[in-house]
């Protein structure tokens, strides 16, 4: 018998893609995981005198899945951010506090990890694991900054489980969040969802192996949606093209979005709080309906947006994290 509460997930960055890196540098108090292997069975249809399957052979091996996780300032979250974006620059804030800035690596080769999953009855590592997608969602009612990370891995193997350790820090919470939209601070979002993708491709070649030889990052993209009460027509005007538009235009001025989450705990002996900031430099509204859904319902505006690279900021999005870890190299 085994139960999820007694399992664990940890990871360590690999120096070479697919080369096992152990023991984990960090563990995470996850909610769930779905990493699994598919044998890609080859079942040919032959004219051979019977209706039943006559042959079954092993095909191309694929490994993928996701990790669902409440974002915390330390443990595996910063490593997963590095895997998603590719580049991290760290500076000291003094007295044991550090600031890490994650930006998109303009390269097709992103960091890979060995991911350990202990399901209590047995443990395995997933080798050559890269982050293909990251999702984030929050609303005032669930209270937690919830996220998911989709992974593509090269292969897996059995191991003896290691002993996990965790940072004693609570996850980021809804009431710690502040939103700045188009330069206006403290905008009252009632929900927020963000999606990031690396458009990963696992590449198989004729090299005597069943598994992928590499994972290539193609287009990076991020989009999102939010809901707020409809009490003015600013977003509708911007959807039309500008803050002064009275009808749809032929061009659109970009907006901006900054999400800041300031934890209630100090880092080490410093006066610096654990902190997360996600900044989008250019956002473009795709839809923003504000419909009357019922006589007794508040009129809400459901906004969907996409993001664009900013040449002046040399980035499409930038994530800043403050914690007590000195490096993610």
Protein backbone atom coordinates (compact mmCIF):
# COMPACT_ATOMS: atom_id res chain seq x y z
CA UNK A 1 0.00 0.00 0.00
CA UNK A 2 1.22 3.52 -0.77
CA UNK A 3 -0.23 6.98 -0.28
CA UNK A 4 0.68 10.26 -1.98
CA UNK A 5 1.28 12.13 1.27
CA UNK A 6 4.38 10.00 1.88
CA UNK A 7 5.92 10.48 -1.56
CA UNK A 8 8.14 13.30 -2.78
CA UNK A 9 9.47 15.11 -5.85
CA UNK A 10 12.95 16.62 -6.18
CA UNK A 11 15.20 17.79 -8.98
CA UNK A 12 18.76 18.69 -9.92
CA UNK A 13 20.02 20.51 -13.00
CA UNK A 14 22.04 18.33 -15.37
CA UNK A 15 25.44 19.36 -16.69
CA UNK A 16 24.78 17.34 -19.86
CA UNK A 17 21.34 16.56 -21.29
CA UNK A 18 20.17 13.15 -20.10
CA UNK A 19 23.15 12.53 -17.78
CA UNK A 20 21.77 11.61 -14.36
CA UNK A 21 22.28 14.32 -11.73
CA UNK A 22 21.71 13.22 -8.13
CA UNK A 23 20.87 13.76 -5.33
CA UNK A 24 18.31 16.55 -5.86
CA UNK A 25 19.33 20.14 -5.10
CA UNK A 26 15.76 20.93 -4.07
CA UNK A 27 12.47 19.24 -3.26
CA UNK A 28 8.95 20.62 -3.51
CA UNK A 29 5.75 20.11 -1.54
CA UNK A 30 3.72 19.41 -4.67
CA UNK A 31 -0.02 18.80 -5.05
CA UNK A 32 0.25 16.16 -7.75
CA UNK A 33 2.36 14.88 -10.64
CA UNK A 34 1.57 12.93 -13.81
CA UNK A 35 5.00 12.01 -15.23
CA UNK A 36 4.75 8.77 -17.17
CA UNK A 37 6.28 6.73 -19.99
CA UNK A 38 4.64 5.47 -23.16
CA UNK A 39 6.17 2.50 -25.02
CA UNK A 40 4.70 3.59 -28.35
CA UNK A 41 3.79 0.01 -29.12
CA UNK A 42 3.95 -1.02 -32.78
CA UNK A 43 1.01 -3.29 -33.66
CA UNK A 44 1.08 -3.98 -37.41
CA UNK A 45 -1.93 -5.32 -39.32
CA UNK A 46 -0.91 -8.33 -41.39
CA UNK A 47 -2.76 -10.68 -43.65
CA UNK A 48 -1.86 -13.85 -41.75
CA UNK A 49 -4.86 -16.10 -41.42
CA UNK A 50 -6.11 -14.76 -38.06
CA UNK A 51 -8.05 -11.69 -36.91
CA UNK A 52 -6.07 -11.23 -33.66
CA UNK A 53 -2.87 -9.20 -33.14
CA UNK A 54 -0.07 -11.40 -34.39
CA UNK A 55 2.89 -9.17 -33.45
CA UNK A 56 3.53 -6.41 -30.90
CA UNK A 57 6.90 -4.63 -30.82
CA UNK A 58 8.34 -1.77 -28.81
CA UNK A 59 8.28 1.57 -30.60
CA UNK A 60 9.55 5.07 -29.89
CA UNK A 61 9.66 5.74 -26.15
CA UNK A 62 8.15 9.01 -24.92
CA UNK A 63 8.10 10.44 -21.40
CA UNK A 64 6.14 13.49 -20.30
CA UNK A 65 3.73 14.83 -17.72
CA UNK A 66 3.22 17.70 -15.31
CA UNK A 67 3.85 18.86 -11.77
CA UNK A 68 1.13 20.83 -9.97
CA UNK A 69 2.46 23.05 -7.26
CA UNK A 70 1.65 26.06 -5.05
CA UNK A 71 4.40 28.60 -5.71
CA UNK A 72 6.78 29.06 -2.80
CA UNK A 73 9.78 31.41 -2.64
CA UNK A 74 12.34 28.55 -2.40
CA UNK A 75 12.52 24.75 -2.91
CA UNK A 76 11.93 23.63 -6.54
CA UNK A 77 10.02 26.71 -7.76
CA UNK A 78 13.07 28.86 -8.67
CA UNK A 79 14.69 25.91 -10.47
CA UNK A 80 11.52 25.37 -12.47
CA UNK A 81 11.54 29.07 -13.36
CA UNK A 82 15.10 28.68 -14.61
CA UNK A 83 14.03 25.70 -16.69
CA UNK A 84 11.12 27.68 -18.14
CA UNK A 85 12.99 30.86 -19.02
CA UNK A 86 16.57 29.64 -19.35
CA UNK A 87 18.50 32.57 -17.87
CA UNK A 88 18.83 33.82 -14.28
CA UNK A 89 20.96 36.68 -12.94
CA UNK A 90 21.45 36.97 -9.18
CA UNK A 91 22.49 39.87 -6.96
CA UNK A 92 22.90 40.14 -3.20
CA UNK A 93 20.59 42.40 -1.20
CA UNK A 94 22.61 41.90 1.99
CA UNK A 95 22.04 40.00 5.25
CA UNK A 96 21.25 36.73 3.50
CA UNK A 97 18.72 38.09 0.97
CA UNK A 98 19.15 37.65 -2.80
CA UNK A 99 17.34 38.85 -5.90
CA UNK A 100 17.06 36.56 -8.94
CA UNK A 101 15.90 37.90 -12.30
CA UNK A 102 14.67 35.30 -14.79
CA UNK A 103 14.57 36.19 -18.50
CA UNK A 104 14.01 34.29 -21.72
CA UNK A 105 17.15 32.68 -23.12
CA UNK A 106 17.18 33.39 -26.84
CA UNK A 107 18.52 29.93 -27.59
CA UNK A 108 16.94 26.59 -28.51
CA UNK A 109 18.86 24.71 -25.78
CA UNK A 110 17.35 25.28 -22.32
CA UNK A 111 18.42 23.73 -18.98
CA UNK A 112 17.57 20.08 -18.38
CA UNK A 113 16.95 18.36 -15.05
CA UNK A 114 16.92 14.96 -13.44
CA UNK A 115 13.56 14.75 -11.66
CA UNK A 116 13.14 12.27 -8.81
CA UNK A 117 9.67 10.95 -8.01
CA UNK A 118 9.20 8.75 -4.95
CA UNK A 119 5.78 7.07 -5.02
CA UNK A 120 6.50 5.35 -1.66
CA UNK A 121 6.33 1.83 -3.09
CA UNK A 122 9.20 2.64 -5.47
CA UNK A 123 11.20 5.59 -6.78
CA UNK A 124 12.40 6.61 -10.23
CA UNK A 125 14.24 9.46 -11.91
CA UNK A 126 13.18 11.11 -15.13
CA UNK A 127 16.30 12.04 -17.09
CA UNK A 128 16.70 14.87 -19.57
CA UNK A 129 13.63 16.72 -18.31
CA UNK A 130 12.86 20.14 -19.79
CA UNK A 131 10.05 22.57 -19.01
CA UNK A 132 7.68 22.91 -21.95
CA UNK A 133 4.89 24.94 -20.31
CA UNK A 134 4.13 26.88 -17.14
CA UNK A 135 0.69 27.93 -15.97
CA UNK A 136 -0.29 30.17 -13.07
CA UNK A 137 -3.70 30.96 -11.65
CA UNK A 138 -5.11 32.71 -8.61
CA UNK A 139 -8.33 34.13 -7.25
CA UNK A 140 -9.25 35.52 -3.82
CA UNK A 141 -11.28 32.42 -2.91
CA UNK A 142 -8.74 29.64 -3.40
CA UNK A 143 -6.18 31.91 -1.74
CA UNK A 144 -3.05 30.24 -3.13
CA UNK A 145 -0.82 31.10 -6.09
CA UNK A 146 -1.28 27.82 -7.95
CA UNK A 147 0.87 26.66 -10.81
CA UNK A 148 1.63 23.78 -13.12
CA UNK A 149 4.74 22.85 -15.06
CA UNK A 150 4.63 20.53 -18.09
CA UNK A 151 7.78 18.50 -18.75
CA UNK A 152 9.24 16.47 -21.60
CA UNK A 153 11.82 13.90 -20.51
CA UNK A 154 14.25 11.63 -22.36
CA UNK A 155 13.88 8.43 -20.35
CA UNK A 156 13.51 7.10 -16.81
CA UNK A 157 15.16 4.59 -14.50
CA UNK A 158 14.65 3.07 -11.06
CA UNK A 159 16.60 4.42 -8.07
CA UNK A 160 16.70 4.21 -4.30
CA UNK A 161 14.75 7.19 -2.98
CA UNK A 162 16.65 10.01 -1.30
CA UNK A 163 15.50 11.77 1.87
CA UNK A 164 13.78 15.09 1.12
CA UNK A 165 14.25 18.38 2.94
CA UNK A 166 12.04 21.43 2.56
CA UNK A 167 12.28 25.16 3.28
CA UNK A 168 9.87 26.10 6.07
CA UNK A 169 8.18 28.91 4.13
CA UNK A 170 4.48 29.26 3.32
CA UNK A 171 3.37 29.56 -0.33
CA UNK A 172 2.51 32.92 -1.86
CA UNK A 173 -1.10 33.96 -1.14
CA UNK A 174 -3.80 35.91 -2.96
CA UNK A 175 -3.98 38.78 -0.48
CA UNK A 176 -0.23 39.38 -0.88
CA UNK A 177 -0.75 40.30 -4.54
CA UNK A 178 -0.92 43.75 -6.14
CA UNK A 179 -1.69 44.41 -9.81
CA UNK A 180 -0.55 47.35 -11.93
CA UNK A 181 -2.35 47.57 -15.28
CA UNK A 182 -1.36 50.14 -17.91
CA UNK A 183 0.52 52.11 -15.23
CA UNK A 184 -2.45 52.20 -12.82
CA UNK A 185 -1.66 50.51 -9.50
CA UNK A 186 -3.87 48.38 -7.27
CA UNK A 187 -6.32 47.37 -9.98
CA UNK A 188 -8.99 45.07 -8.52
CA UNK A 189 -8.65 41.82 -10.47
CA UNK A 190 -10.96 39.06 -9.29
CA UNK A 191 -9.04 36.32 -11.04
CA UNK A 192 -5.81 35.99 -13.00
CA UNK A 193 -4.41 33.26 -15.22
CA UNK A 194 -1.04 33.30 -17.01
CA UNK A 195 0.35 30.79 -19.50
CA UNK A 196 3.89 30.43 -20.78
CA UNK A 197 5.13 27.99 -23.41
CA UNK A 198 8.49 26.99 -24.87
CA UNK A 199 6.94 24.97 -27.72
CA UNK A 200 9.31 22.07 -26.98
CA UNK A 201 9.99 19.36 -29.55
CA UNK A 202 11.47 16.01 -28.58
CA UNK A 203 13.69 14.95 -31.47
CA UNK A 204 14.09 11.27 -32.35
CA UNK A 205 16.85 10.12 -34.70
CA UNK A 206 18.06 6.83 -36.14
CA UNK A 207 20.78 6.28 -33.55
CA UNK A 208 20.01 2.75 -32.18
CA UNK A 209 18.04 4.27 -29.25
CA UNK A 210 14.28 4.28 -28.63
CA UNK A 211 14.23 7.56 -26.78
CA UNK A 212 14.65 11.16 -27.96
CA UNK A 213 18.15 12.46 -28.55
CA UNK A 214 17.41 16.07 -27.64
CA UNK A 215 14.62 18.50 -26.78
CA UNK A 216 14.53 21.71 -28.81
CA UNK A 217 12.86 24.92 -27.61
CA UNK A 218 11.12 26.72 -30.44
CA UNK A 219 8.87 29.77 -30.12
CA UNK A 220 8.46 31.28 -26.65
CA UNK A 221 5.02 32.71 -25.98
CA UNK A 222 2.98 33.97 -23.06
CA UNK A 223 -0.65 34.94 -22.77
CA UNK A 224 -3.19 35.38 -20.04
CA UNK A 225 -6.63 36.37 -18.87
CA UNK A 226 -8.18 38.22 -15.98
CA UNK A 227 -11.59 39.20 -14.68
CA UNK A 228 -12.59 42.48 -13.09
CA UNK A 229 -15.81 44.37 -12.45
CA UNK A 230 -16.92 46.51 -15.39
CA UNK A 231 -17.00 50.04 -13.99
CA UNK A 232 -15.41 52.02 -16.85
CA UNK A 233 -14.67 51.60 -20.54
CA UNK A 234 -10.86 51.97 -20.45
CA UNK A 235 -10.12 48.36 -21.46
CA UNK A 236 -12.83 48.40 -24.12
CA UNK A 237 -11.20 51.50 -25.65
CA UNK A 238 -7.78 49.83 -25.52
CA UNK A 239 -9.30 46.73 -27.14
CA UNK A 240 -10.41 49.02 -29.95
CA UNK A 241 -6.85 50.36 -30.30
CA UNK A 242 -6.04 53.16 -27.83
CA UNK A 243 -7.11 54.76 -24.57
CA UNK A 244 -9.11 57.39 -26.50
CA UNK A 245 -10.60 55.19 -29.23
CA UNK A 246 -14.36 55.47 -29.90
CA UNK A 247 -14.46 52.57 -32.40
CA UNK A 248 -12.10 49.80 -33.57
CA UNK A 249 -8.94 51.18 -35.17
CA UNK A 250 -6.46 49.70 -37.64
CA UNK A 251 -3.60 49.69 -35.10
CA UNK A 252 -3.35 49.02 -31.37
CA UNK A 253 -1.29 50.72 -28.67
CA UNK A 254 0.26 48.20 -26.27
CA UNK A 255 -0.54 48.11 -22.59
CA UNK A 256 1.51 46.77 -19.68
CA UNK A 257 0.92 44.46 -16.74
CA UNK A 258 2.90 44.01 -13.52
CA UNK A 259 2.01 41.35 -10.94
CA UNK A 260 3.71 41.72 -7.54
CA UNK A 261 3.42 39.33 -4.61
CA UNK A 262 5.01 40.40 -1.31
CA UNK A 263 5.23 37.61 1.29
CA UNK A 264 4.63 38.33 4.97
CA UNK A 265 7.95 36.73 6.06
CA UNK A 266 11.36 38.37 6.11
CA UNK A 267 14.32 36.69 4.43
CA UNK A 268 16.85 35.52 7.03
CA UNK A 269 17.86 38.43 9.29
CA UNK A 270 17.21 41.08 6.65
CA UNK A 271 14.23 43.42 6.48
CA UNK A 272 13.63 42.21 2.91
CA UNK A 273 10.41 40.23 2.33
CA UNK A 274 10.15 37.18 0.10
CA UNK A 275 8.87 38.62 -3.14
CA UNK A 276 7.77 37.69 -6.65
CA UNK A 277 7.23 40.04 -9.59
CA UNK A 278 6.07 39.14 -13.11
CA UNK A 279 6.30 42.03 -15.55
CA UNK A 280 4.90 42.09 -19.09
CA UNK A 281 6.21 45.04 -21.08
CA UNK A 282 3.77 44.94 -24.03
CA UNK A 283 0.32 43.39 -23.78
CA UNK A 284 -2.36 43.42 -26.48
CA UNK A 285 -6.00 42.77 -25.67
CA UNK A 286 -7.60 40.01 -27.74
CA UNK A 287 -11.09 40.00 -26.23
CA UNK A 288 -12.75 41.91 -23.40
CA UNK A 289 -16.50 41.22 -23.26
CA UNK A 290 -18.58 42.80 -20.52
CA UNK A 291 -21.93 41.07 -20.85
CA UNK A 292 -25.15 41.30 -18.86
CA UNK A 293 -25.51 37.69 -17.73
CA UNK A 294 -28.45 38.11 -15.41
CA UNK A 295 -30.59 40.69 -13.63
CA UNK A 296 -28.98 40.04 -10.26
CA UNK A 297 -25.40 39.55 -11.49
CA UNK A 298 -22.63 42.09 -11.38
CA UNK A 299 -21.37 42.96 -14.87
CA UNK A 300 -17.89 41.51 -15.16
CA UNK A 301 -15.27 42.02 -17.84
CA UNK A 302 -13.39 38.90 -18.94
CA UNK A 303 -10.16 40.00 -20.60
CA UNK A 304 -7.78 37.87 -22.68
CA UNK A 305 -4.41 39.19 -23.81
CA UNK A 306 -1.23 38.27 -25.65
CA UNK A 307 2.26 39.67 -25.18
CA UNK A 308 4.98 41.04 -27.44
CA UNK A 309 8.74 41.48 -27.16
CA UNK A 310 9.91 44.94 -26.08
CA UNK A 311 13.07 46.03 -27.86
CA UNK A 312 13.74 48.78 -25.31
CA UNK A 313 13.54 46.30 -22.41
CA UNK A 314 15.14 43.46 -24.42
CA UNK A 315 12.44 41.12 -23.12
CA UNK A 316 8.80 40.10 -23.47
CA UNK A 317 8.48 39.19 -19.80
CA UNK A 318 10.74 39.38 -16.75
CA UNK A 319 10.32 37.50 -13.47
CA UNK A 320 11.98 38.71 -10.27
CA UNK A 321 12.21 36.53 -7.16
CA UNK A 322 13.70 37.44 -3.78
CA UNK A 323 14.65 34.70 -1.34
CA UNK A 324 17.47 33.40 0.83
CA UNK A 325 19.23 31.19 -1.77
CA UNK A 326 22.49 32.61 -3.10
CA UNK A 327 22.60 30.95 -6.53
CA UNK A 328 20.77 28.86 -9.10
CA UNK A 329 23.81 27.92 -11.15
